[in-house]
């Protein structure tokens, strides 16, 4: 079952451009990582220093393999000092919807 991972990150004032540069560099590598099906970046409508990543993974094992990878470790090491608050991360499964008319 596909796993959806959402990570909410709050950045220090003036650090969002540094984060965006890191994200732009790592985004194609993350998307190409084995098991990654989708990756988006969202900006909070009311708080411009808050961003969320939304990624879709084939399963929990694929996400865990990414989280144990050098790509994740190096990207996170560069991103972590930019935070003004601890990031919030959670994983969810999409609930199948009944077909229309049933």
N, C-alpha and C. Protein backbone atom coordinates (compact mmCIF):
# COMPACT_ATOMS: atom_id res chain seq x y z
N UNK A 1 0.84 -1.18 0.00
CA UNK A 1 0.00 0.00 0.00
C UNK A 1 0.89 1.24 0.00
N UNK A 2 0.58 2.20 -0.86
CA UNK A 2 1.39 3.41 -0.96
C UNK A 2 1.33 4.20 0.35
N UNK A 3 2.48 4.70 0.76
CA UNK A 3 2.62 5.50 1.98
C UNK A 3 2.83 6.95 1.58
N UNK A 4 2.12 7.85 2.22
CA UNK A 4 2.28 9.28 1.98
C UNK A 4 2.96 9.88 3.21
N UNK A 5 4.03 10.63 2.95
CA UNK A 5 4.81 11.23 4.05
C UNK A 5 4.71 12.74 3.91
N UNK A 6 4.31 13.41 4.99
CA UNK A 6 4.22 14.87 5.03
C UNK A 6 5.15 15.37 6.12
N UNK A 7 5.98 16.33 5.77
CA UNK A 7 6.91 16.92 6.72
C UNK A 7 6.70 18.43 6.71
N UNK A 8 6.34 18.98 7.87
CA UNK A 8 6.11 20.43 8.02
C UNK A 8 7.35 21.03 8.67
N UNK A 9 7.90 22.07 8.00
CA UNK A 9 9.14 22.68 8.46
C UNK A 9 8.96 24.18 8.60
N UNK A 10 9.39 24.71 9.73
CA UNK A 10 9.34 26.15 9.98
C UNK A 10 10.77 26.67 9.98
N UNK A 11 11.02 27.65 9.14
CA UNK A 11 12.38 28.16 8.96
C UNK A 11 12.59 29.50 9.66
N UNK A 12 13.84 29.74 10.02
CA UNK A 12 14.24 31.02 10.60
C UNK A 12 14.00 32.12 9.58
N UNK A 13 13.70 33.33 10.05
CA UNK A 13 13.55 34.45 9.12
C UNK A 13 14.80 34.58 8.25
N UNK A 14 14.59 34.76 6.97
CA UNK A 14 15.70 34.93 6.05
C UNK A 14 16.35 33.64 5.58
N UNK A 15 15.87 32.49 6.02
CA UNK A 15 16.50 31.23 5.65
C UNK A 15 15.71 30.43 4.60
N UNK A 16 14.57 30.95 4.17
CA UNK A 16 13.77 30.18 3.21
C UNK A 16 14.46 30.06 1.85
N UNK A 17 15.18 31.07 1.42
CA UNK A 17 15.88 30.98 0.13
C UNK A 17 16.96 29.91 0.18
N UNK A 18 17.64 29.81 1.31
CA UNK A 18 18.66 28.76 1.46
C UNK A 18 18.00 27.39 1.39
N UNK A 19 16.85 27.24 2.05
CA UNK A 19 16.14 25.97 1.98
C UNK A 19 15.70 25.67 0.55
N UNK A 20 15.14 26.65 -0.13
CA UNK A 20 14.66 26.42 -1.50
C UNK A 20 15.80 26.01 -2.42
N UNK A 21 16.97 26.56 -2.21
CA UNK A 21 18.13 26.16 -3.02
C UNK A 21 18.49 24.69 -2.76
N UNK A 22 18.47 24.28 -1.50
CA UNK A 22 18.74 22.88 -1.16
C UNK A 22 17.67 21.99 -1.77
N UNK A 23 16.42 22.39 -1.66
CA UNK A 23 15.33 21.57 -2.19
C UNK A 23 15.43 21.43 -3.71
N UNK A 24 15.69 22.53 -4.39
CA UNK A 24 15.80 22.47 -5.86
C UNK A 24 16.93 21.53 -6.30
N UNK A 25 17.99 21.51 -5.54
CA UNK A 25 19.13 20.64 -5.85
C UNK A 25 18.81 19.17 -5.58
N UNK A 26 18.13 18.89 -4.47
CA UNK A 26 17.89 17.51 -4.07
C UNK A 26 16.60 16.92 -4.64
N UNK A 27 15.67 17.76 -5.05
CA UNK A 27 14.37 17.28 -5.53
C UNK A 27 14.48 16.22 -6.64
N UNK A 28 15.25 16.44 -7.71
CA UNK A 28 15.30 15.39 -8.75
C UNK A 28 15.94 14.09 -8.24
N UNK A 29 16.86 14.19 -7.30
CA UNK A 29 17.49 12.99 -6.74
C UNK A 29 16.51 12.21 -5.87
N UNK A 30 15.70 12.93 -5.10
CA UNK A 30 14.70 12.26 -4.26
C UNK A 30 13.65 11.61 -5.15
N UNK A 31 13.18 12.34 -6.15
CA UNK A 31 12.17 11.78 -7.07
C UNK A 31 12.68 10.53 -7.77
N UNK A 32 13.98 10.46 -8.02
CA UNK A 32 14.56 9.31 -8.71
C UNK A 32 14.91 8.17 -7.75
N UNK A 33 14.78 8.40 -6.44
CA UNK A 33 15.13 7.38 -5.47
C UNK A 33 14.17 6.20 -5.59
N UNK A 34 14.72 5.01 -5.51
CA UNK A 34 13.93 3.79 -5.64
C UNK A 34 12.77 3.80 -4.65
N UNK A 35 11.56 3.68 -5.16
CA UNK A 35 10.37 3.64 -4.31
C UNK A 35 9.64 4.95 -4.18
N UNK A 36 10.25 6.06 -4.60
CA UNK A 36 9.57 7.36 -4.54
C UNK A 36 8.68 7.49 -5.77
N UNK A 37 7.41 7.75 -5.55
CA UNK A 37 6.44 7.89 -6.64
C UNK A 37 6.05 9.34 -6.92
N UNK A 38 6.29 10.22 -5.95
CA UNK A 38 5.80 11.60 -6.10
C UNK A 38 6.47 12.46 -5.03
N UNK A 39 6.72 13.72 -5.36
CA UNK A 39 7.27 14.67 -4.39
C UNK A 39 6.78 16.06 -4.75
N UNK A 40 6.21 16.75 -3.76
CA UNK A 40 5.77 18.14 -3.94
C UNK A 40 6.28 18.97 -2.76
N UNK A 41 6.38 20.27 -3.00
CA UNK A 41 6.71 21.23 -1.95
C UNK A 41 5.57 22.22 -1.86
N UNK A 42 5.07 22.44 -0.66
CA UNK A 42 3.99 23.38 -0.41
C UNK A 42 4.48 24.49 0.52
N UNK A 43 3.93 25.70 0.33
CA UNK A 43 4.21 26.81 1.24
C UNK A 43 2.92 27.17 1.97
N UNK A 44 2.99 27.34 3.27
CA UNK A 44 1.83 27.70 4.07
C UNK A 44 1.28 29.05 3.61
N UNK A 45 -0.02 29.12 3.38
CA UNK A 45 -0.66 30.34 2.87
C UNK A 45 -0.58 31.50 3.86
N UNK A 46 -0.58 31.20 5.15
CA UNK A 46 -0.58 32.27 6.15
C UNK A 46 0.76 32.51 6.81
N UNK A 47 1.72 31.63 6.57
CA UNK A 47 3.03 31.73 7.22
C UNK A 47 4.10 31.43 6.18
N UNK A 48 4.65 32.45 5.55
CA UNK A 48 5.57 32.23 4.42
C UNK A 48 6.89 31.54 4.78
N UNK A 49 7.19 31.39 6.05
CA UNK A 49 8.42 30.69 6.43
C UNK A 49 8.15 29.22 6.77
N UNK A 50 6.92 28.76 6.51
CA UNK A 50 6.55 27.37 6.77
C UNK A 50 6.33 26.66 5.43
N UNK A 51 7.02 25.53 5.27
CA UNK A 51 6.91 24.71 4.06
C UNK A 51 6.60 23.28 4.47
N UNK A 52 5.96 22.56 3.56
CA UNK A 52 5.70 21.13 3.76
C UNK A 52 6.14 20.39 2.52
N UNK A 53 6.74 19.24 2.74
CA UNK A 53 6.96 18.32 1.64
C UNK A 53 5.90 17.23 1.73
N UNK A 54 5.45 16.80 0.58
CA UNK A 54 4.51 15.69 0.48
C UNK A 54 5.12 14.70 -0.49
N UNK A 55 5.45 13.52 0.00
CA UNK A 55 6.06 12.50 -0.87
C UNK A 55 5.25 11.22 -0.77
N UNK A 56 5.21 10.51 -1.89
CA UNK A 56 4.50 9.23 -1.96
C UNK A 56 5.54 8.13 -2.17
N UNK A 57 5.43 7.08 -1.38
CA UNK A 57 6.39 5.98 -1.40
C UNK A 57 5.66 4.67 -1.63
N UNK A 58 6.32 3.75 -2.31
CA UNK A 58 5.71 2.46 -2.61
C UNK A 58 5.22 1.76 -1.35
N UNK A 59 5.99 1.90 -0.27
CA UNK A 59 5.64 1.27 1.01
C UNK A 59 6.56 1.84 2.09
N UNK A 60 6.35 1.39 3.32
CA UNK A 60 7.15 1.88 4.44
C UNK A 60 8.63 1.53 4.27
N UNK A 61 8.91 0.37 3.71
CA UNK A 61 10.30 -0.04 3.52
C UNK A 61 11.03 0.90 2.56
N UNK A 62 10.35 1.37 1.53
CA UNK A 62 10.97 2.30 0.58
C UNK A 62 11.29 3.62 1.26
N UNK A 63 10.36 4.12 2.07
CA UNK A 63 10.62 5.37 2.80
C UNK A 63 11.78 5.17 3.77
N UNK A 64 11.79 4.06 4.47
CA UNK A 64 12.86 3.82 5.44
C UNK A 64 14.22 3.70 4.74
N UNK A 65 14.25 3.07 3.57
CA UNK A 65 15.50 2.98 2.81
C UNK A 65 15.99 4.37 2.44
N UNK A 66 15.07 5.25 2.05
CA UNK A 66 15.46 6.63 1.75
C UNK A 66 15.97 7.33 3.01
N UNK A 67 15.28 7.15 4.12
CA UNK A 67 15.67 7.82 5.36
C UNK A 67 17.03 7.34 5.87
N UNK A 68 17.46 6.15 5.48
CA UNK A 68 18.76 5.63 5.87
C UNK A 68 19.85 5.93 4.84
N UNK A 69 19.47 6.59 3.75
CA UNK A 69 20.42 6.83 2.66
C UNK A 69 21.32 8.04 2.92
N UNK A 70 22.44 8.05 2.21
CA UNK A 70 23.35 9.21 2.26
C UNK A 70 22.66 10.45 1.70
N UNK A 71 21.80 10.29 0.70
CA UNK A 71 21.07 11.43 0.14
C UNK A 71 20.24 12.11 1.21
N UNK A 72 19.48 11.34 1.98
CA UNK A 72 18.68 11.93 3.05
C UNK A 72 19.57 12.57 4.11
N UNK A 73 20.58 11.82 4.56
CA UNK A 73 21.44 12.34 5.63
C UNK A 73 22.11 13.65 5.23
N UNK A 74 22.63 13.73 4.02
CA UNK A 74 23.33 14.95 3.62
C UNK A 74 22.35 16.11 3.41
N UNK A 75 21.18 15.82 2.84
CA UNK A 75 20.18 16.88 2.64
C UNK A 75 19.66 17.38 3.98
N UNK A 76 19.36 16.46 4.88
CA UNK A 76 18.84 16.84 6.19
C UNK A 76 19.88 17.61 7.00
N UNK A 77 21.13 17.24 6.89
CA UNK A 77 22.21 17.92 7.62
C UNK A 77 22.31 19.38 7.19
N UNK A 78 22.06 19.66 5.93
CA UNK A 78 22.12 21.04 5.43
C UNK A 78 20.84 21.82 5.75
N UNK A 79 19.72 21.09 5.89
CA UNK A 79 18.43 21.75 6.13
C UNK A 79 18.19 22.02 7.60
N UNK A 80 18.56 21.10 8.44
CA UNK A 80 18.27 21.19 9.88
C UNK A 80 18.70 22.52 10.53
N UNK A 81 19.89 23.06 10.24
CA UNK A 81 20.29 24.32 10.90
C UNK A 81 19.41 25.52 10.53
N UNK A 82 18.60 25.39 9.50
CA UNK A 82 17.76 26.50 9.05
C UNK A 82 16.44 26.59 9.79
N UNK A 83 16.09 25.56 10.57
CA UNK A 83 14.79 25.52 11.26
C UNK A 83 14.73 26.50 12.42
N UNK A 84 13.53 27.03 12.65
CA UNK A 84 13.29 27.82 13.87
C UNK A 84 12.44 27.04 14.86
N UNK A 85 11.94 25.89 14.44
CA UNK A 85 11.14 25.01 15.31
C UNK A 85 11.37 23.58 14.83
N UNK A 86 11.18 22.61 15.71
CA UNK A 86 11.35 21.23 15.28
C UNK A 86 10.37 20.89 14.14
N UNK A 87 10.82 20.15 13.16
CA UNK A 87 9.90 19.75 12.08
C UNK A 87 8.88 18.74 12.60
N UNK A 88 7.76 18.69 11.93
CA UNK A 88 6.71 17.73 12.26
C UNK A 88 6.55 16.81 11.06
N UNK A 89 6.65 15.53 11.28
CA UNK A 89 6.55 14.57 10.18
C UNK A 89 5.54 13.49 10.55
N UNK A 90 4.76 13.09 9.56
CA UNK A 90 3.86 11.97 9.77
C UNK A 90 3.60 11.25 8.46
N UNK A 91 3.27 9.98 8.60
CA UNK A 91 2.99 9.14 7.45
C UNK A 91 1.54 8.71 7.49
N UNK A 92 0.91 8.66 6.32
CA UNK A 92 -0.50 8.30 6.23
C UNK A 92 -0.73 7.39 5.03
N UNK A 93 -1.86 6.68 5.09
CA UNK A 93 -2.33 5.91 3.95
C UNK A 93 -3.61 6.57 3.46
N UNK A 94 -3.80 6.60 2.16
CA UNK A 94 -5.04 7.12 1.60
C UNK A 94 -6.14 6.09 1.81
N UNK A 95 -7.29 6.56 2.26
CA UNK A 95 -8.43 5.68 2.47
C UNK A 95 -9.17 5.54 1.14
N UNK A 96 -9.33 4.32 0.67
CA UNK A 96 -10.05 4.12 -0.60
C UNK A 96 -11.47 4.65 -0.50
N UNK A 97 -11.92 5.32 -1.53
CA UNK A 97 -13.26 5.88 -1.57
C UNK A 97 -14.19 4.92 -2.31
N UNK A 98 -15.42 4.79 -1.87
CA UNK A 98 -16.36 3.94 -2.60
C UNK A 98 -16.65 4.53 -3.98
N UNK A 99 -16.94 3.66 -4.90
CA UNK A 99 -17.29 4.13 -6.23
C UNK A 99 -18.57 4.91 -6.18
N UNK A 100 -18.72 5.90 -7.07
CA UNK A 100 -19.93 6.74 -7.11
C UNK A 100 -21.16 5.87 -7.31
N UNK A 101 -22.21 6.18 -6.57
CA UNK A 101 -23.46 5.47 -6.71
C UNK A 101 -23.56 4.21 -5.88
N UNK A 102 -22.57 3.92 -5.08
CA UNK A 102 -22.63 2.69 -4.25
C UNK A 102 -22.75 3.03 -2.80
